[in-house]
PDB file of all heavy atoms in Angstrom:
ATOM      1  N   PHE A   1       0.841  -1.199   0.025  1.00  0.00           N
ATOM      2  CA  PHE A   1       0.028   0.015  -0.048  1.00  0.00           C
ATOM      3  C   PHE A   1       0.893   1.269  -0.009  1.00  0.00           C
ATOM      4  O   PHE A   1       0.515   2.238  -0.680  1.00  0.00           O
ATOM      5  CB  PHE A   1      -1.008  -0.080   1.183  1.00  0.00           C
ATOM      6  CG  PHE A   1      -2.014   1.082   1.246  1.00  0.00           C
ATOM      7  CD1 PHE A   1      -3.201   0.847   0.678  1.00  0.00           C
ATOM      8  CD2 PHE A   1      -1.598   2.286   1.821  1.00  0.00           C
ATOM      9  CE1 PHE A   1      -4.153   1.944   0.816  1.00  0.00           C
ATOM     10  CE2 PHE A   1      -2.571   3.369   1.865  1.00  0.00           C
ATOM     11  CZ  PHE A   1      -3.865   3.120   1.350  1.00  0.00           C
ATOM     12  N   LYS A   2       1.951   1.250   0.751  1.00  0.00           N
ATOM     13  CA  LYS A   2       2.817   2.350   0.883  1.00  0.00           C
ATOM     14  C   LYS A   2       3.630   2.588  -0.445  1.00  0.00           C
ATOM     15  O   LYS A   2       3.794   3.716  -0.859  1.00  0.00           O
ATOM     16  CB  LYS A   2       3.801   2.214   2.050  1.00  0.00           C
ATOM     17  CG  LYS A   2       4.714   3.314   2.407  1.00  0.00           C
ATOM     18  CD  LYS A   2       3.938   4.445   3.073  1.00  0.00           C
ATOM     19  CE  LYS A   2       4.921   5.549   3.577  1.00  0.00           C
ATOM     20  NZ  LYS A   2       4.179   6.699   4.191  1.00  0.00           N
ATOM     21  N   VAL A   3       4.135   1.383  -0.962  1.00  0.00           N
ATOM     22  CA  VAL A   3       4.991   1.686  -2.169  1.00  0.00           C
ATOM     23  C   VAL A   3       4.267   1.745  -3.437  1.00  0.00           C
ATOM     24  O   VAL A   3       4.531   2.665  -4.260  1.00  0.00           O
ATOM     25  CB  VAL A   3       6.021   0.411  -2.216  1.00  0.00           C
ATOM     26  CG1 VAL A   3       6.826   0.386  -3.487  1.00  0.00           C
ATOM     27  CG2 VAL A   3       6.805   0.312  -0.902  1.00  0.00           C
ATOM     28  N   LYS A   4       3.264   0.760  -3.641  1.00  0.00           N
ATOM     29  CA  LYS A   4       2.556   0.816  -5.033  1.00  0.00           C
ATOM     30  C   LYS A   4       1.315   1.664  -4.945  1.00  0.00           C
ATOM     31  O   LYS A   4       0.791   1.997  -6.089  1.00  0.00           O
ATOM     32  CB  LYS A   4       2.194  -0.581  -5.204  1.00  0.00           C
ATOM     33  CG  LYS A   4       3.397  -1.526  -5.608  1.00  0.00           C
ATOM     34  CD  LYS A   4       4.150  -1.311  -6.901  1.00  0.00           C
ATOM     35  CE  LYS A   4       5.115  -2.249  -7.213  1.00  0.00           C
ATOM     36  NZ  LYS A   4       5.699  -2.025  -8.550  1.00  0.00           N
ATOM     37  N   GLY A   5       0.777   1.978  -3.809  1.00  0.00           N
ATOM     38  CA  GLY A   5      -0.396   2.798  -3.752  1.00  0.00           C
ATOM     39  C   GLY A   5      -1.699   2.031  -3.287  1.00  0.00           C
ATOM     40  O   GLY A   5      -1.657   0.708  -3.423  1.00  0.00           O
ATOM     41  N   GLY A   6      -2.696   2.713  -2.875  1.00  0.00           N
ATOM     42  CA  GLY A   6      -3.868   1.991  -2.307  1.00  0.00           C
ATOM     43  C   GLY A   6      -4.667   1.126  -3.299  1.00  0.00           C
ATOM     44  O   GLY A   6      -5.095   0.093  -2.984  1.00  0.00           O
ATOM     45  N   GLU A   7      -4.735   1.627  -4.578  1.00  0.00           N
ATOM     46  CA  GLU A   7      -5.519   0.933  -5.546  1.00  0.00           C
ATOM     47  C   GLU A   7      -4.774  -0.269  -5.996  1.00  0.00           C
ATOM     48  O   GLU A   7      -5.564  -1.405  -6.189  1.00  0.00           O
ATOM     49  CB  GLU A   7      -5.868   1.921  -6.686  1.00  0.00           C
ATOM     50  CG  GLU A   7      -6.594   3.106  -6.380  1.00  0.00           C
ATOM     51  CD  GLU A   7      -7.837   2.788  -5.513  1.00  0.00           C
ATOM     52  OE1 GLU A   7      -8.646   1.938  -5.859  1.00  0.00           O
ATOM     53  OE2 GLU A   7      -7.960   3.365  -4.500  1.00  0.00           O
ATOM     54  N   PHE A   8      -3.534  -0.288  -6.146  1.00  0.00           N
ATOM     55  CA  PHE A   8      -2.815  -1.543  -6.436  1.00  0.00           C
ATOM     56  C   PHE A   8      -2.987  -2.526  -5.314  1.00  0.00           C
ATOM     57  O   PHE A   8      -3.264  -3.754  -5.693  1.00  0.00           O
ATOM     58  CB  PHE A   8      -1.377  -1.270  -6.621  1.00  0.00           C
ATOM     59  CG  PHE A   8      -0.479  -2.563  -6.975  1.00  0.00           C
ATOM     60  CD1 PHE A   8      -0.402  -2.816  -8.325  1.00  0.00           C
ATOM     61  CD2 PHE A   8       0.145  -3.225  -5.984  1.00  0.00           C
ATOM     62  CE1 PHE A   8       0.225  -3.961  -8.707  1.00  0.00           C
ATOM     63  CE2 PHE A   8       0.808  -4.337  -6.377  1.00  0.00           C
ATOM     64  CZ  PHE A   8       0.937  -4.778  -7.721  1.00  0.00           C
ATOM     65  N   ALA A   9      -2.957  -2.254  -4.045  1.00  0.00           N
ATOM     66  CA  ALA A   9      -3.067  -3.090  -2.933  1.00  0.00           C
ATOM     67  C   ALA A   9      -4.580  -3.611  -2.837  1.00  0.00           C
ATOM     68  O   ALA A   9      -4.785  -4.838  -2.713  1.00  0.00           O
ATOM     69  CB  ALA A   9      -2.818  -2.367  -1.641  1.00  0.00           C
ATOM     70  N   LYS A  10      -5.534  -2.752  -3.221  1.00  0.00           N
ATOM     71  CA  LYS A  10      -6.862  -3.252  -3.224  1.00  0.00           C
ATOM     72  C   LYS A  10      -7.166  -4.201  -4.354  1.00  0.00           C
ATOM     73  O   LYS A  10      -7.857  -5.248  -4.176  1.00  0.00           O
ATOM     74  CB  LYS A  10      -7.838  -2.061  -3.434  1.00  0.00           C
ATOM     75  CG  LYS A  10      -7.989  -1.116  -2.123  1.00  0.00           C
ATOM     76  CD  LYS A  10      -8.901   0.144  -2.423  1.00  0.00           C
ATOM     77  CE  LYS A  10      -8.959   0.942  -1.236  1.00  0.00           C
ATOM     78  NZ  LYS A  10      -9.792   2.089  -1.468  1.00  0.00           N
ATOM     79  N   ASP A  11      -6.617  -3.921  -5.436  1.00  0.00           N
ATOM     80  CA  ASP A  11      -6.748  -4.958  -6.592  1.00  0.00           C
ATOM     81  C   ASP A  11      -6.132  -6.252  -6.276  1.00  0.00           C
ATOM     82  O   ASP A  11      -6.707  -7.302  -6.676  1.00  0.00           O
ATOM     83  CB  ASP A  11      -6.076  -4.279  -7.834  1.00  0.00           C
ATOM     84  CG  ASP A  11      -6.916  -3.171  -8.473  1.00  0.00           C
ATOM     85  OD1 ASP A  11      -8.120  -3.076  -8.218  1.00  0.00           O
ATOM     86  OD2 ASP A  11      -6.254  -2.316  -9.179  1.00  0.00           O
ATOM     87  N   LEU A  12      -5.027  -6.220  -5.571  1.00  0.00           N
ATOM     88  CA  LEU A  12      -4.322  -7.426  -5.248  1.00  0.00           C
ATOM     89  C   LEU A  12      -5.195  -8.249  -4.265  1.00  0.00           C
ATOM     90  O   LEU A  12      -5.434  -9.507  -4.390  1.00  0.00           O
ATOM     91  CB  LEU A  12      -2.944  -7.175  -4.561  1.00  0.00           C
ATOM     92  CG  LEU A  12      -2.143  -8.364  -4.216  1.00  0.00           C
ATOM     93  CD1 LEU A  12      -1.725  -9.164  -5.418  1.00  0.00           C
ATOM     94  CD2 LEU A  12      -0.692  -7.856  -3.654  1.00  0.00           C
ATOM     95  N   ILE A  13      -5.679  -7.551  -3.183  1.00  0.00           N
ATOM     96  CA  ILE A  13      -6.568  -8.266  -2.088  1.00  0.00           C
ATOM     97  C   ILE A  13      -7.788  -8.697  -2.852  1.00  0.00           C
ATOM     98  O   ILE A  13      -8.281  -9.802  -2.545  1.00  0.00           O
ATOM     99  CB  ILE A  13      -6.897  -7.207  -1.026  1.00  0.00           C
ATOM    100  CG1 ILE A  13      -5.582  -6.839  -0.291  1.00  0.00           C
ATOM    101  CG2 ILE A  13      -7.859  -7.844  -0.064  1.00  0.00           C
ATOM    102  CD1 ILE A  13      -5.821  -5.687   0.702  1.00  0.00           C
ATOM    103  N   GLY A  14      -8.441  -7.935  -3.701  1.00  0.00           N
ATOM    104  CA  GLY A  14      -9.712  -8.217  -4.315  1.00  0.00           C
ATOM    105  C   GLY A  14      -9.568  -9.482  -5.314  1.00  0.00           C
ATOM    106  O   GLY A  14     -10.385 -10.267  -5.413  1.00  0.00           O
ATOM    107  N   GLY A  15      -8.286  -9.560  -5.876  1.00  0.00           N
ATOM    108  CA  GLY A  15      -8.039 -10.812  -6.711  1.00  0.00           C
ATOM    109  C   GLY A  15      -7.923 -12.064  -5.937  1.00  0.00           C
ATOM    110  O   GLY A  15      -8.149 -13.115  -6.439  1.00  0.00           O
ATOM    111  N   ILE A  16      -7.433 -11.998  -4.671  1.00  0.00           N
ATOM    112  CA  ILE A  16      -7.186 -13.183  -3.821  1.00  0.00           C
ATOM    113  C   ILE A  16      -8.377 -13.496  -3.070  1.00  0.00           C
ATOM    114  O   ILE A  16      -8.884 -14.678  -3.025  1.00  0.00           O
ATOM    115  CB  ILE A  16      -5.908 -12.825  -2.832  1.00  0.00           C
ATOM    116  CG1 ILE A  16      -4.652 -12.568  -3.645  1.00  0.00           C
ATOM    117  CG2 ILE A  16      -5.801 -14.064  -1.917  1.00  0.00           C
ATOM    118  CD1 ILE A  16      -3.594 -12.154  -2.753  1.00  0.00           C
ATOM    119  N   ILE A  17      -9.078 -12.508  -2.577  1.00  0.00           N
ATOM    120  CA  ILE A  17     -10.249 -12.777  -1.715  1.00  0.00           C
ATOM    121  C   ILE A  17     -11.510 -12.196  -2.420  1.00  0.00           C
ATOM    122  O   ILE A  17     -11.650 -10.899  -2.535  1.00  0.00           O
ATOM    123  CB  ILE A  17     -10.136 -12.175  -0.313  1.00  0.00           C
ATOM    124  CG1 ILE A  17      -8.842 -12.528   0.381  1.00  0.00           C
ATOM    125  CG2 ILE A  17     -11.323 -12.546   0.619  1.00  0.00           C
ATOM    126  CD1 ILE A  17      -8.492 -11.815   1.664  1.00  0.00           C
ATOM    127  N   ARG A  18     -12.353 -13.011  -2.924  1.00  0.00           N
ATOM    128  CA  ARG A  18     -13.389 -12.643  -3.863  1.00  0.00           C
ATOM    129  C   ARG A  18     -14.446 -11.667  -3.197  1.00  0.00           C
ATOM    130  O   ARG A  18     -14.872 -10.777  -3.819  1.00  0.00           O
ATOM    131  CB  ARG A  18     -14.132 -13.874  -4.488  1.00  0.00           C
ATOM    132  CG  ARG A  18     -13.298 -14.567  -5.497  1.00  0.00           C
ATOM    133  CD  ARG A  18     -14.218 -15.669  -6.074  1.00  0.00           C
ATOM    134  NE  ARG A  18     -15.331 -15.008  -6.900  1.00  0.00           N
ATOM    135  CZ  ARG A  18     -16.204 -15.823  -7.615  1.00  0.00           C
ATOM    136  NH1 ARG A  18     -16.221 -17.044  -7.536  1.00  0.00           N
ATOM    137  NH2 ARG A  18     -17.163 -15.078  -8.138  1.00  0.00           N
ATOM    138  N   PRO A  19     -14.805 -11.976  -1.822  1.00  0.00           N
ATOM    139  CA  PRO A  19     -15.716 -10.948  -1.288  1.00  0.00           C
ATOM    140  C   PRO A  19     -15.234  -9.501  -1.158  1.00  0.00           C
ATOM    141  O   PRO A  19     -16.005  -8.564  -1.380  1.00  0.00           O
ATOM    142  CB  PRO A  19     -15.985 -11.525   0.125  1.00  0.00           C
ATOM    143  CG  PRO A  19     -15.681 -12.981  -0.035  1.00  0.00           C
ATOM    144  CD  PRO A  19     -14.564 -13.123  -1.064  1.00  0.00           C
ATOM    145  N   PHE A  20     -13.817  -9.403  -0.939  1.00  0.00           N
ATOM    146  CA  PHE A  20     -13.291  -8.064  -0.954  1.00  0.00           C
ATOM    147  C   PHE A  20     -13.348  -7.507  -2.363  1.00  0.00           C
ATOM    148  O   PHE A  20     -13.450  -6.281  -2.553  1.00  0.00           O
ATOM    149  CB  PHE A  20     -11.856  -8.121  -0.356  1.00  0.00           C
ATOM    150  CG  PHE A  20     -11.848  -8.191   1.127  1.00  0.00           C
ATOM    151  CD1 PHE A  20     -11.696  -9.457   1.663  1.00  0.00           C
ATOM    152  CD2 PHE A  20     -12.122  -7.137   1.874  1.00  0.00           C
ATOM    153  CE1 PHE A  20     -11.578  -9.549   3.120  1.00  0.00           C
ATOM    154  CE2 PHE A  20     -12.058  -7.182   3.299  1.00  0.00           C
ATOM    155  CZ  PHE A  20     -11.774  -8.466   3.921  1.00  0.00           C
ATOM    156  N   GLY A  21     -13.052  -8.320  -3.356  1.00  0.00           N
ATOM    157  CA  GLY A  21     -13.072  -7.775  -4.700  1.00  0.00           C
ATOM    158  C   GLY A  21     -14.454  -7.281  -5.141  1.00  0.00           C
ATOM    159  O   GLY A  21     -14.595  -6.268  -5.759  1.00  0.00           O
ATOM    160  N   SER A  22     -15.489  -7.979  -4.691  1.00  0.00           N
ATOM    161  CA  SER A  22     -16.983  -7.449  -4.881  1.00  0.00           C
ATOM    162  C   SER A  22     -17.190  -6.221  -4.194  1.00  0.00           C
ATOM    163  O   SER A  22     -17.747  -5.306  -4.696  1.00  0.00           O
ATOM    164  CB  SER A  22     -17.892  -8.651  -4.452  1.00  0.00           C
ATOM    165  OG  SER A  22     -19.293  -8.259  -4.729  1.00  0.00           O
ATOM    166  N   LEU A  23     -16.679  -6.125  -2.955  1.00  0.00           N
ATOM    167  CA  LEU A  23     -16.823  -4.987  -2.240  1.00  0.00           C
ATOM    168  C   LEU A  23     -16.223  -3.707  -2.881  1.00  0.00           C
ATOM    169  O   LEU A  23     -16.801  -2.663  -2.909  1.00  0.00           O
ATOM    170  CB  LEU A  23     -16.310  -5.113  -0.725  1.00  0.00           C
ATOM    171  CG  LEU A  23     -16.284  -3.899   0.152  1.00  0.00           C
ATOM    172  CD1 LEU A  23     -17.620  -3.328   0.343  1.00  0.00           C
ATOM    173  CD2 LEU A  23     -15.476  -4.264   1.354  1.00  0.00           C
ATOM    174  N   PHE A  24     -14.979  -3.942  -3.284  1.00  0.00           N
ATOM    175  CA  PHE A  24     -14.220  -2.753  -3.855  1.00  0.00           C
ATOM    176  C   PHE A  24     -14.868  -2.299  -5.149  1.00  0.00           C
ATOM    177  O   PHE A  24     -14.880  -1.184  -5.553  1.00  0.00           O
ATOM    178  CB  PHE A  24     -12.728  -3.176  -4.192  1.00  0.00           C
ATOM    179  CG  PHE A  24     -11.979  -3.480  -2.929  1.00  0.00           C
ATOM    180  CD1 PHE A  24     -10.910  -4.443  -2.896  1.00  0.00           C
ATOM    181  CD2 PHE A  24     -12.173  -2.692  -1.790  1.00  0.00           C
ATOM    182  CE1 PHE A  24     -10.287  -4.637  -1.843  1.00  0.00           C
ATOM    183  CE2 PHE A  24     -11.497  -2.926  -0.591  1.00  0.00           C
ATOM    184  CZ  PHE A  24     -10.447  -3.896  -0.639  1.00  0.00           C
ATOM    185  N   GLN A  25     -15.540  -3.265  -5.919  1.00  0.00           N
ATOM    186  CA  GLN A  25     -16.294  -2.849  -7.146  1.00  0.00           C
ATOM    187  C   GLN A  25     -17.390  -2.109  -6.847  1.00  0.00           C
ATOM    188  O   GLN A  25     -17.805  -1.157  -7.606  1.00  0.00           O
ATOM    189  CB  GLN A  25     -16.596  -4.170  -7.850  1.00  0.00           C
ATOM    190  CG  GLN A  25     -15.363  -4.849  -8.561  1.00  0.00           C
ATOM    191  CD  GLN A  25     -15.838  -6.117  -9.393  1.00  0.00           C
ATOM    192  OE1 GLN A  25     -16.845  -6.024 -10.188  1.00  0.00           O
ATOM    193  NE2 GLN A  25     -15.122  -7.190  -9.358  1.00  0.00           N
ATOM    194  N   THR A  26     -18.143  -2.493  -5.705  1.00  0.00           N
ATOM    195  CA  THR A  26     -19.354  -1.747  -5.379  1.00  0.00           C
ATOM    196  C   THR A  26     -19.010  -0.312  -5.022  1.00  0.00           C
ATOM    197  O   THR A  26     -19.622   0.654  -5.278  1.00  0.00           O
ATOM    198  CB  THR A  26     -20.116  -2.467  -4.186  1.00  0.00           C
ATOM    199  OG1 THR A  26     -20.411  -3.780  -4.597  1.00  0.00           O
ATOM    200  CG2 THR A  26     -21.270  -1.681  -3.733  1.00  0.00           C
ATOM    201  N   ILE A  27     -17.906  -0.219  -4.227  1.00  0.00           N
ATOM    202  CA  ILE A  27     -17.406   1.114  -3.724  1.00  0.00           C
ATOM    203  C   ILE A  27     -17.074   1.991  -5.022  1.00  0.00           C
ATOM    204  O   ILE A  27     -17.450   3.182  -5.110  1.00  0.00           O
ATOM    205  CB  ILE A  27     -16.177   1.010  -2.823  1.00  0.00           C
ATOM    206  CG1 ILE A  27     -16.587   0.410  -1.597  1.00  0.00           C
ATOM    207  CG2 ILE A  27     -15.562   2.285  -2.553  1.00  0.00           C
ATOM    208  CD1 ILE A  27     -15.439   0.062  -0.582  1.00  0.00           C
ATOM    209  N   SER A  28     -16.489   1.367  -6.041  1.00  0.00           N
ATOM    210  CA  SER A  28     -16.138   2.098  -7.177  1.00  0.00           C
ATOM    211  C   SER A  28     -17.386   2.560  -8.011  1.00  0.00           C
ATOM    212  O   SER A  28     -17.361   3.562  -8.575  1.00  0.00           O
ATOM    213  CB  SER A  28     -15.226   1.150  -8.124  1.00  0.00           C
ATOM    214  OG  SER A  28     -14.015   0.954  -7.596  1.00  0.00           O
TER     215      SER A  28
END
């Protein structure tokens, strides 16, 4: 998150954990 940025970290988490990926898409 610190090095690559928040959106890169969110995309990485969302790709690994599907419920978080769905949550981030809803927020977007």
